[in-house]
Amino acid sequence: MKKKKMVGSLGVVITGGSRGLGYALALEFLAAGDRVVICGRNPGRLDEAIQTLQQAVPSGEVYGIVCDAGNPSGGRELAAFAAERLGRVDRWINNAGTAGLFKRPLWELHAEDILETCTTNLSGSVMLCAEAVRVMDRQPLSPEPVYHIFNMGFSSIGAKFSRSALSHKASKRGVAELTHFLYRELKAAGKTSIGVHEVSPGLVLTDLLFQDATEEAMRFFSVIAERAEKVASVLVPKIREITRRTSRIRYQPLVMMFFRLLIGMKVVIGKPKEVGRAKGHS
């Protein structure tokens, strides 16, 4: 049996870490003995997250900074803050994102909503990747990747089955391409110390998932989506132990994902029929 490589304390940056999956990831990293920087746009929610994380892991080292992932100055401030607090950044996770205010056709969306969704998801991830590379490039060099960047985009399959707005799906597909092209640029530039990876957490039970969702969609999500804590417990060990230059880290295998999708679709399709039969007998 192959032994797993032991990983020491890591310096970890998580954007959008004040709630949802980002918060759950931060908690798992702290429990593993890592030092963590999280950021979020809401000062009150960020302070509360820091407080509850410290209470959950009293021995943990966690720091927070107010930051808008889609704002260029916010990315620079986050990078400087993380380098100062952590000393060394080993893992940078671009988790911040938004699905937009409404799950509606493109022509029914407000321009401001489209802009914010694409800016936060795609432009934000691009700018934050640039900041992460700059930080990591100033750290001790290595012939093998020891510093790693993680993006959360959509695979073509994920986008196909997503019920979110077009602006969300398109921007998340763009993030997947960002990971691919950044890997090629790092390789061409000979930056051997840095790896870049795609993370596929699947559908996670958060407030954003249910925002503006129809009753049918909510039934679907309740079957196929997972709790953030469970997803984080699977992803964090994989993120901590990564050694490759590029990879796709999935919460669950594709076969299992398709199986859950089929069950979810069966529930959605079957529910109205059951209701109809019930009414017929009343």
C-alpha atoms as a PDB file:
ATOM      1  CA  MET A   1       0.000   0.000   0.000  1.00  0.00           C
ATOM      2  CA  LYS A   2       1.403   3.378  -1.027  1.00  0.00           C
ATOM      3  CA  LYS A   3       1.958   5.752   1.865  1.00  0.00           C
ATOM      4  CA  LYS A   4       0.530   9.249   1.625  1.00  0.00           C
ATOM      5  CA  LYS A   5       2.970  12.112   1.705  1.00  0.00           C
ATOM      6  CA  MET A   6       2.799  13.947   5.029  1.00  0.00           C
ATOM      7  CA  VAL A   7       1.980  17.641   4.615  1.00  0.00           C
ATOM      8  CA  GLY A   8       3.077  20.211   7.201  1.00  0.00           C
ATOM      9  CA  SER A   9       1.299  23.432   8.101  1.00  0.00           C
ATOM     10  CA  LEU A  10       0.313  25.334   4.952  1.00  0.00           C
ATOM     11  CA  GLY A  11      -0.423  28.984   4.284  1.00  0.00           C
ATOM     12  CA  VAL A  12      -3.867  29.060   2.649  1.00  0.00           C
ATOM     13  CA  VAL A  13      -5.832  31.897   1.010  1.00  0.00           C
ATOM     14  CA  ILE A  14      -9.571  31.442   0.405  1.00  0.00           C
ATOM     15  CA  THR A  15     -11.630  34.112  -1.339  1.00  0.00           C
ATOM     16  CA  GLY A  16     -15.301  34.238  -0.440  1.00  0.00           C
ATOM     17  CA  GLY A  17     -14.461  32.527   2.841  1.00  0.00           C
ATOM     18  CA  SER A  18     -16.990  34.159   5.131  1.00  0.00           C
ATOM     19  CA  ARG A  19     -19.837  31.744   4.348  1.00  0.00           C
ATOM     20  CA  GLY A  20     -20.888  28.681   2.382  1.00  0.00           C
ATOM     21  CA  LEU A  21     -18.252  26.396   0.910  1.00  0.00           C
ATOM     22  CA  GLY A  22     -15.447  28.933   1.473  1.00  0.00           C
ATOM     23  CA  TYR A  23     -16.153  28.979   5.208  1.00  0.00           C
ATOM     24  CA  ALA A  24     -16.343  25.180   5.352  1.00  0.00           C
ATOM     25  CA  LEU A  25     -13.012  24.917   3.527  1.00  0.00           C
ATOM     26  CA  ALA A  26     -11.422  27.358   5.981  1.00  0.00           C
ATOM     27  CA  LEU A  27     -12.657  25.286   8.915  1.00  0.00           C
ATOM     28  CA  GLU A  28     -11.199  22.078   7.449  1.00  0.00           C
ATOM     29  CA  PHE A  29      -7.828  23.674   6.753  1.00  0.00           C
ATOM     30  CA  LEU A  30      -7.657  25.083  10.282  1.00  0.00           C
ATOM     31  CA  ALA A  31      -8.535  21.679  11.726  1.00  0.00           C
ATOM     32  CA  ALA A  32      -5.632  20.242   9.710  1.00  0.00           C
ATOM     33  CA  GLY A  33      -3.249  22.711  11.354  1.00  0.00           C
ATOM     34  CA  ASP A  34      -2.947  25.196   8.496  1.00  0.00           C
ATOM     35  CA  ARG A  35      -2.792  28.995   8.656  1.00  0.00           C
ATOM     36  CA  VAL A  36      -5.674  30.615   6.792  1.00  0.00           C
ATOM     37  CA  VAL A  37      -6.576  34.000   5.294  1.00  0.00           C
ATOM     38  CA  ILE A  38     -10.160  34.506   4.202  1.00  0.00           C
ATOM     39  CA  CYS A  39     -11.811  37.477   2.550  1.00  0.00           C
ATOM     40  CA  GLY A  40     -15.357  38.654   1.939  1.00  0.00           C
ATOM     41  CA  ARG A  41     -17.244  41.760   0.867  1.00  0.00           C
ATOM     42  CA  ASN A  42     -19.453  42.100   3.955  1.00  0.00           C
ATOM     43  CA  PRO A  43     -17.471  43.376   7.003  1.00  0.00           C
ATOM     44  CA  GLY A  44     -20.018  42.163   9.551  1.00  0.00           C
ATOM     45  CA  ARG A  45     -20.262  38.676   8.069  1.00  0.00           C
ATOM     46  CA  LEU A  46     -16.463  38.474   7.792  1.00  0.00           C
ATOM     47  CA  ASP A  47     -15.971  39.406  11.455  1.00  0.00           C
ATOM     48  CA  GLU A  48     -18.562  36.819  12.488  1.00  0.00           C
ATOM     49  CA  ALA A  49     -16.845  34.149  10.386  1.00  0.00           C
ATOM     50  CA  ILE A  50     -13.451  34.887  11.935  1.00  0.00           C
ATOM     51  CA  GLN A  51     -14.960  34.724  15.415  1.00  0.00           C
ATOM     52  CA  THR A  52     -16.747  31.406  14.866  1.00  0.00           C
ATOM     53  CA  LEU A  53     -13.699  29.854  13.186  1.00  0.00           C
ATOM     54  CA  GLN A  54     -11.541  30.852  16.153  1.00  0.00           C
ATOM     55  CA  GLN A  55     -14.086  29.360  18.526  1.00  0.00           C
ATOM     56  CA  ALA A  56     -14.259  26.127  16.522  1.00  0.00           C
ATOM     57  CA  VAL A  57     -10.457  25.768  16.340  1.00  0.00           C
ATOM     58  CA  PRO A  58      -8.988  27.729  19.281  1.00  0.00           C
ATOM     59  CA  SER A  59      -5.439  26.799  18.315  1.00  0.00           C
ATOM     60  CA  GLY A  60      -5.999  27.843  14.701  1.00  0.00           C
ATOM     61  CA  GLU A  61      -4.396  30.819  12.983  1.00  0.00           C
ATOM     62  CA  VAL A  62      -6.983  32.647  10.864  1.00  0.00           C
ATOM     63  CA  TYR A  63      -7.060  36.179   9.468  1.00  0.00           C
ATOM     64  CA  GLY A  64      -9.640  38.111   7.488  1.00  0.00           C
ATOM     65  CA  ILE A  65      -9.725  41.107   5.167  1.00  0.00           C
ATOM     66  CA  VAL A  66     -12.632  42.872   3.474  1.00  0.00           C
ATOM     67  CA  CYS A  67     -12.166  42.384  -0.258  1.00  0.00           C
ATOM     68  CA  ASP A  68     -14.248  42.525  -3.442  1.00  0.00           C
ATOM     69  CA  ALA A  69     -12.935  39.799  -5.768  1.00  0.00           C
ATOM     70  CA  GLY A  70     -13.950  41.807  -8.821  1.00  0.00           C
ATOM     71  CA  ASN A  71     -12.092  44.957  -7.741  1.00  0.00           C
ATOM     72  CA  PRO A  72      -8.439  45.299  -8.892  1.00  0.00           C
ATOM     73  CA  SER A  73      -7.367  47.151  -5.742  1.00  0.00           C
ATOM     74  CA  GLY A  74      -9.084  44.528  -3.600  1.00  0.00           C
ATOM     75  CA  GLY A  75      -7.001  41.763  -5.154  1.00  0.00           C
ATOM     76  CA  ARG A  76      -3.762  43.651  -4.574  1.00  0.00           C
ATOM     77  CA  GLU A  77      -4.682  44.347  -0.954  1.00  0.00           C
ATOM     78  CA  LEU A  78      -5.564  40.694  -0.374  1.00  0.00           C
ATOM     79  CA  ALA A  79      -2.255  39.519  -1.818  1.00  0.00           C
ATOM     80  CA  ALA A  80      -0.228  41.929   0.324  1.00  0.00           C
ATOM     81  CA  PHE A  81      -2.242  41.043   3.438  1.00  0.00           C
ATOM     82  CA  ALA A  82      -1.858  37.295   2.865  1.00  0.00           C
ATOM     83  CA  ALA A  83       1.900  37.528   2.256  1.00  0.00           C
ATOM     84  CA  GLU A  84       2.344  39.587   5.427  1.00  0.00           C
ATOM     85  CA  ARG A  85       0.172  37.406   7.686  1.00  0.00           C
ATOM     86  CA  LEU A  86       1.113  33.971   6.364  1.00  0.00           C
ATOM     87  CA  GLY A  87       4.723  34.569   5.388  1.00  0.00           C
ATOM     88  CA  ARG A  88       4.351  31.951   2.661  1.00  0.00           C
ATOM     89  CA  VAL A  89       1.294  31.212   0.527  1.00  0.00           C
ATOM     90  CA  ASP A  90       1.113  27.514  -0.369  1.00  0.00           C
ATOM     91  CA  ARG A  91      -2.499  27.243  -1.529  1.00  0.00           C
ATOM     92  CA  TRP A  92      -4.628  29.979  -3.101  1.00  0.00           C
ATOM     93  CA  ILE A  93      -8.295  29.075  -3.649  1.00  0.00           C
ATOM     94  CA  ASN A  94     -10.437  31.349  -5.829  1.00  0.00           C
ATOM     95  CA  ASN A  95     -13.770  30.398  -4.310  1.00  0.00           C
ATOM     96  CA  ALA A  96     -15.551  33.784  -4.464  1.00  0.00           C
ATOM     97  CA  GLY A  97     -18.354  33.840  -6.990  1.00  0.00           C
ATOM     98  CA  THR A  98     -21.959  34.707  -7.626  1.00  0.00           C
ATOM     99  CA  ALA A  99     -24.784  33.082  -9.553  1.00  0.00           C
ATOM    100  CA  GLY A 100     -26.486  36.429 -10.102  1.00  0.00           C
ATOM    101  CA  LEU A 101     -29.735  37.665  -8.646  1.00  0.00           C
ATOM    102  CA  PHE A 102     -32.088  35.712 -10.900  1.00  0.00           C
ATOM    103  CA  LYS A 103     -32.234  32.347 -12.667  1.00  0.00           C
ATOM    104  CA  ARG A 104     -33.907  33.687 -15.796  1.00  0.00           C
ATOM    105  CA  PRO A 105     -33.264  33.906 -19.577  1.00  0.00           C
ATOM    106  CA  LEU A 106     -30.572  36.382 -20.619  1.00  0.00           C
ATOM    107  CA  TRP A 107     -33.024  38.939 -22.025  1.00  0.00           C
ATOM    108  CA  GLU A 108     -34.844  39.107 -18.671  1.00  0.00           C
ATOM    109  CA  LEU A 109     -31.681  39.931 -16.707  1.00  0.00           C
ATOM    110  CA  HIS A 110     -30.640  43.472 -15.798  1.00  0.00           C
ATOM    111  CA  ALA A 111     -27.371  44.650 -17.320  1.00  0.00           C
ATOM    112  CA  GLU A 112     -26.017  45.451 -13.854  1.00  0.00           C
ATOM    113  CA  ASP A 113     -26.669  41.890 -12.703  1.00  0.00           C
ATOM    114  CA  ILE A 114     -24.944  40.442 -15.793  1.00  0.00           C
ATOM    115  CA  LEU A 115     -21.937  42.720 -15.289  1.00  0.00           C
ATOM    116  CA  GLU A 116     -21.526  41.878 -11.596  1.00  0.00           C
ATOM    117  CA  THR A 117     -21.809  38.132 -12.247  1.00  0.00           C
ATOM    118  CA  CYS A 118     -19.209  38.125 -15.026  1.00  0.00           C
ATOM    119  CA  THR A 119     -16.907  40.532 -13.188  1.00  0.00           C
ATOM    120  CA  THR A 120     -16.911  38.579  -9.927  1.00  0.00           C
ATOM    121  CA  ASN A 121     -16.646  35.127 -11.494  1.00  0.00           C
ATOM    122  CA  LEU A 122     -14.359  35.606 -14.488  1.00  0.00           C
ATOM    123  CA  SER A 123     -12.575  38.958 -14.257  1.00  0.00           C
ATOM    124  CA  GLY A 124     -12.119  38.474 -10.512  1.00  0.00           C
ATOM    125  CA  SER A 125     -10.609  35.019 -10.957  1.00  0.00           C
ATOM    126  CA  VAL A 126      -8.255  36.255 -13.686  1.00  0.00           C
ATOM    127  CA  MET A 127      -7.017  39.177 -11.576  1.00  0.00           C
ATOM    128  CA  LEU A 128      -6.663  37.062  -8.444  1.00  0.00           C
ATOM    129  CA  CYS A 129      -4.705  34.404 -10.336  1.00  0.00           C
ATOM    130  CA  ALA A 130      -2.307  37.150 -11.441  1.00  0.00           C
ATOM    131  CA  GLU A 131      -1.881  38.314  -7.840  1.00  0.00           C
ATOM    132  CA  ALA A 132      -1.372  34.740  -6.619  1.00  0.00           C
ATOM    133  CA  VAL A 133       1.353  34.097  -9.210  1.00  0.00           C
ATOM    134  CA  ARG A 134       3.137  37.328  -8.246  1.00  0.00           C
ATOM    135  CA  VAL A 135       3.098  36.359  -4.558  1.00  0.00           C
ATOM    136  CA  MET A 136       4.271  32.806  -5.213  1.00  0.00           C
ATOM    137  CA  ASP A 137       6.940  33.948  -7.645  1.00  0.00           C
ATOM    138  CA  ARG A 138       8.598  35.937  -4.833  1.00  0.00           C
ATOM    139  CA  GLN A 139       8.826  32.849  -2.636  1.00  0.00           C
ATOM    140  CA  PRO A 140      11.673  30.267  -2.657  1.00  0.00           C
ATOM    141  CA  LEU A 141      11.818  28.537  -6.048  1.00  0.00           C
ATOM    142  CA  SER A 142      11.499  24.815  -6.640  1.00  0.00           C
ATOM    143  CA  PRO A 143      11.922  22.514  -9.672  1.00  0.00           C
ATOM    144  CA  GLU A 144       8.627  20.887  -8.690  1.00  0.00           C
ATOM    145  CA  PRO A 145       5.315  22.639  -7.956  1.00  0.00           C
ATOM    146  CA  VAL A 146       5.037  23.459  -4.256  1.00  0.00           C
ATOM    147  CA  TYR A 147       2.614  26.399  -4.518  1.00  0.00           C
ATOM    148  CA  HIS A 148      -0.819  25.793  -6.006  1.00  0.00           C
ATOM    149  CA  ILE A 149      -3.717  27.889  -7.315  1.00  0.00           C
ATOM    150  CA  PHE A 150      -7.256  26.480  -7.459  1.00  0.00           C
ATOM    151  CA  ASN A 151     -10.147  27.798  -9.554  1.00  0.00           C
ATOM    152  CA  MET A 152     -13.787  26.777  -9.473  1.00  0.00           C
ATOM    153  CA  GLY A 153     -15.131  26.775 -12.999  1.00  0.00           C
ATOM    154  CA  PHE A 154     -17.698  24.705 -14.882  1.00  0.00           C
ATOM    155  CA  SER A 155     -16.953  21.722 -17.056  1.00  0.00           C
ATOM    156  CA  SER A 156     -19.022  21.508 -20.239  1.00  0.00           C
ATOM    157  CA  ILE A 157     -21.106  18.820 -18.543  1.00  0.00           C
ATOM    158  CA  GLY A 158     -21.605  20.922 -15.440  1.00  0.00           C
ATOM    159  CA  ALA A 159     -22.712  23.918 -17.498  1.00  0.00           C
ATOM    160  CA  LYS A 160     -25.121  21.755 -19.492  1.00  0.00           C
ATOM    161  CA  PHE A 161     -26.967  20.562 -16.393  1.00  0.00           C
ATOM    162  CA  SER A 162     -26.799  23.862 -14.491  1.00  0.00           C
ATOM    163  CA  ARG A 163     -30.075  25.732 -14.023  1.00  0.00           C
ATOM    164  CA  SER A 164     -28.378  29.054 -13.363  1.00  0.00           C
ATOM    165  CA  ALA A 165     -28.474  32.110 -15.624  1.00  0.00           C
ATOM    166  CA  LEU A 166     -26.468  32.225 -18.841  1.00  0.00           C
ATOM    167  CA  SER A 167     -24.129  34.876 -17.400  1.00  0.00           C
ATOM    168  CA  HIS A 168     -23.219  32.502 -14.568  1.00  0.00           C
ATOM    169  CA  LYS A 169     -22.664  29.487 -16.813  1.00  0.00           C
ATOM    170  CA  ALA A 170     -20.656  31.442 -19.394  1.00  0.00           C
ATOM    171  CA  SER A 171     -18.415  33.100 -16.792  1.00  0.00           C
ATOM    172  CA  LYS A 172     -17.797  29.799 -15.004  1.00  0.00           C
ATOM    173  CA  ARG A 173     -16.885  28.098 -18.281  1.00  0.00           C
ATOM    174  CA  GLY A 174     -14.464  30.964 -18.787  1.00  0.00           C
ATOM    175  CA  VAL A 175     -12.875  30.200 -15.420  1.00  0.00           C
ATOM    176  CA  ALA A 176     -12.256  26.617 -16.568  1.00  0.00           C
ATOM    177  CA  GLU A 177     -10.452  27.961 -19.649  1.00  0.00           C
ATOM    178  CA  LEU A 178      -8.493  30.368 -17.435  1.00  0.00           C
ATOM    179  CA  THR A 179      -7.062  27.388 -15.556  1.00  0.00           C
ATOM    180  CA  HIS A 180      -6.095  25.661 -18.800  1.00  0.00           C
ATOM    181  CA  PHE A 181      -4.381  28.688 -20.350  1.00  0.00           C
ATOM    182  CA  LEU A 182      -2.666  29.777 -17.130  1.00  0.00           C
ATOM    183  CA  TYR A 183      -1.080  26.331 -16.891  1.00  0.00           C
ATOM    184  CA  ARG A 184       0.290  26.752 -20.420  1.00  0.00           C
ATOM    185  CA  GLU A 185       1.677  30.215 -19.627  1.00  0.00           C
ATOM    186  CA  LEU A 186       3.340  29.033 -16.414  1.00  0.00           C
ATOM    187  CA  LYS A 187       4.914  26.136 -18.282  1.00  0.00           C
ATOM    188  CA  ALA A 188       6.136  28.335 -21.131  1.00  0.00           C
ATOM    189  CA  ALA A 189       7.620  30.838 -18.660  1.00  0.00           C
ATOM    190  CA  GLY A 190       9.444  28.086 -16.767  1.00  0.00           C
ATOM    191  CA  LYS A 191       7.665  28.833 -13.484  1.00  0.00           C
ATOM    192  CA  THR A 192       8.146  25.321 -12.151  1.00  0.00           C
ATOM    193  CA  SER A 193       7.222  26.178  -8.544  1.00  0.00           C
ATOM    194  CA  ILE A 194       3.554  26.907  -9.315  1.00  0.00           C
ATOM    195  CA  GLY A 195       0.711  24.565 -10.197  1.00  0.00           C
ATOM    196  CA  VAL A 196      -2.834  25.516 -11.196  1.00  0.00           C
ATOM    197  CA  HIS A 197      -5.891  23.314 -10.844  1.00  0.00           C
ATOM    198  CA  GLU A 198      -9.618  23.079 -11.457  1.00  0.00           C
ATOM    199  CA  VAL A 199     -11.891  22.244  -8.511  1.00  0.00           C
ATOM    200  CA  SER A 200     -15.345  20.767  -9.161  1.00  0.00           C
ATOM    201  CA  PRO A 201     -17.288  20.790  -5.877  1.00  0.00           C
ATOM    202  CA  GLY A 202     -20.598  19.906  -7.523  1.00  0.00           C
ATOM    203  CA  LEU A 203     -23.801  21.467  -6.254  1.00  0.00           C
ATOM    204  CA  VAL A 204     -23.445  22.692  -2.683  1.00  0.00           C
ATOM    205  CA  LEU A 205     -26.358  23.511  -0.384  1.00  0.00           C
ATOM    206  CA  THR A 206     -26.024  27.261   0.153  1.00  0.00           C
ATOM    207  CA  ASP A 207     -28.358  30.264   0.179  1.00  0.00           C
ATOM    208  CA  LEU A 208     -27.058  31.263  -3.263  1.00  0.00           C
ATOM    209  CA  LEU A 209     -28.118  27.924  -4.733  1.00  0.00           C
ATOM    210  CA  PHE A 210     -31.752  28.420  -3.715  1.00  0.00           C
ATOM    211  CA  GLN A 211     -31.886  32.112  -4.630  1.00  0.00           C
ATOM    212  CA  ASP A 212     -34.729  32.748  -7.121  1.00  0.00           C
ATOM    213  CA  ALA A 213     -35.109  28.979  -7.609  1.00  0.00           C
ATOM    214  CA  THR A 214     -38.449  27.520  -8.664  1.00  0.00           C
ATOM    215  CA  GLU A 215     -40.198  24.894  -6.554  1.00  0.00           C
ATOM    216  CA  GLU A 216     -39.166  22.278  -9.105  1.00  0.00           C
ATOM    217  CA  ALA A 217     -35.532  23.385  -8.939  1.00  0.00           C
ATOM    218  CA  MET A 218     -35.572  23.320  -5.141  1.00  0.00           C
ATOM    219  CA  ARG A 219     -36.769  19.702  -5.199  1.00  0.00           C
ATOM    220  CA  PHE A 220     -33.995  18.888  -7.652  1.00  0.00           C
ATOM    221  CA  PHE A 221     -31.330  20.611  -5.527  1.00  0.00           C
ATOM    222  CA  SER A 222     -32.502  18.912  -2.336  1.00  0.00           C
ATOM    223  CA  VAL A 223     -31.691  15.533  -3.905  1.00  0.00           C
ATOM    224  CA  ILE A 224     -28.396  16.159  -5.705  1.00  0.00           C
ATOM    225  CA  ALA A 225     -26.753  18.955  -3.690  1.00  0.00           C
ATOM    226  CA  GLU A 226     -24.455  18.276  -0.723  1.00  0.00           C
ATOM    227  CA  ARG A 227     -23.777  20.102   2.535  1.00  0.00           C
ATOM    228  CA  ALA A 228     -20.784  22.430   2.378  1.00  0.00           C
ATOM    229  CA  GLU A 229     -19.143  20.697   5.350  1.00  0.00           C
ATOM    230  CA  LYS A 230     -19.257  17.315   3.644  1.00  0.00           C
ATOM    231  CA  VAL A 231     -17.849  18.663   0.381  1.00  0.00           C
ATOM    232  CA  ALA A 232     -15.040  20.462   2.212  1.00  0.00           C
ATOM    233  CA  SER A 233     -14.108  17.331   4.157  1.00  0.00           C
ATOM    234  CA  VAL A 234     -13.450  15.552   0.834  1.00  0.00           C
ATOM    235  CA  LEU A 235     -11.787  18.419  -1.069  1.00  0.00           C
ATOM    236  CA  VAL A 236      -9.364  19.727   1.567  1.00  0.00           C
ATOM    237  CA  PRO A 237      -7.244  16.551   1.881  1.00  0.00           C
ATOM    238  CA  LYS A 238      -6.945  16.438  -1.921  1.00  0.00           C
ATOM    239  CA  ILE A 239      -5.961  20.112  -2.083  1.00  0.00           C
ATOM    240  CA  ARG A 240      -3.421  19.741   0.713  1.00  0.00           C
ATOM    241  CA  GLU A 241      -1.728  16.694  -0.829  1.00  0.00           C
ATOM    242  CA  ILE A 242      -1.606  17.901  -4.446  1.00  0.00           C
ATOM    243  CA  THR A 243       1.760  17.494  -6.203  1.00  0.00           C
ATOM    244  CA  ARG A 244       0.908  17.718  -9.920  1.00  0.00           C
ATOM    245  CA  ARG A 245       1.301  20.831 -12.065  1.00  0.00           C
ATOM    246  CA  THR A 246      -2.319  20.770 -13.169  1.00  0.00           C
ATOM    247  CA  SER A 247      -5.332  18.572 -12.465  1.00  0.00           C
ATOM    248  CA  ARG A 248      -9.069  18.513 -11.946  1.00  0.00           C
ATOM    249  CA  ILE A 249     -10.143  17.815  -8.382  1.00  0.00           C
ATOM    250  CA  ARG A 250     -13.692  16.510  -8.113  1.00  0.00           C
ATOM    251  CA  TYR A 251     -15.824  16.131  -5.025  1.00  0.00           C
ATOM    252  CA  GLN A 252     -17.214  12.932  -6.462  1.00  0.00           C
ATOM    253  CA  PRO A 253     -16.545  10.765  -9.560  1.00  0.00           C
ATOM    254  CA  LEU A 254     -18.443  11.518 -12.766  1.00  0.00           C
ATOM    255  CA  VAL A 255     -20.321   8.219 -12.528  1.00  0.00           C
ATOM    256  CA  MET A 256     -21.670   9.150  -9.111  1.00  0.00           C
ATOM    257  CA  MET A 257     -22.552  12.638 -10.329  1.00  0.00           C
ATOM    258  CA  PHE A 258     -24.599  11.225 -13.220  1.00  0.00           C
ATOM    259  CA  PHE A 259     -26.303   8.789 -10.859  1.00  0.00           C
ATOM    260  CA  ARG A 260     -27.358  11.616  -8.544  1.00  0.00           C
ATOM    261  CA  LEU A 261     -28.530  13.676 -11.521  1.00  0.00           C
ATOM    262  CA  LEU A 262     -30.740  10.827 -12.695  1.00  0.00           C
ATOM    263  CA  ILE A 263     -32.259  10.466  -9.233  1.00  0.00           C
ATOM    264  CA  GLY A 264     -32.850  14.208  -9.055  1.00  0.00           C
ATOM    265  CA  MET A 265     -34.540  14.283 -12.456  1.00  0.00           C
ATOM    266  CA  LYS A 266     -36.695  11.322 -11.469  1.00  0.00           C
ATOM    267  CA  VAL A 267     -37.847  13.134  -8.336  1.00  0.00           C
ATOM    268  CA  VAL A 268     -38.678  16.299 -10.278  1.00  0.00           C
ATOM    269  CA  ILE A 269     -40.539  14.434 -13.023  1.00  0.00           C
ATOM    270  CA  GLY A 270     -42.308  12.065 -10.674  1.00  0.00           C
ATOM    271  CA  LYS A 271     -43.462  14.567  -8.057  1.00  0.00           C
ATOM    272  CA  PRO A 272     -46.235  16.275 -10.060  1.00  0.00           C
ATOM    273  CA  LYS A 273     -47.717  12.876 -10.989  1.00  0.00           C
ATOM    274  CA  GLU A 274     -47.885  11.871  -7.342  1.00  0.00           C
ATOM    275  CA  VAL A 275     -49.603  15.140  -6.483  1.00  0.00           C
ATOM    276  CA  GLY A 276     -52.076  14.606  -9.295  1.00  0.00           C
ATOM    277  CA  ARG A 277     -52.983  11.106  -8.094  1.00  0.00           C
ATOM    278  CA  ALA A 278     -53.399  12.384  -4.557  1.00  0.00           C
ATOM    279  CA  LYS A 279     -55.853  15.019  -5.723  1.00  0.00           C
ATOM    280  CA  GLY A 280     -57.758  12.442  -7.712  1.00  0.00           C
ATOM    281  CA  HIS A 281     -58.337  10.290  -4.609  1.00  0.00           C
ATOM    282  CA  SER A 282     -59.372  13.215  -2.371  1.00  0.00           C
END
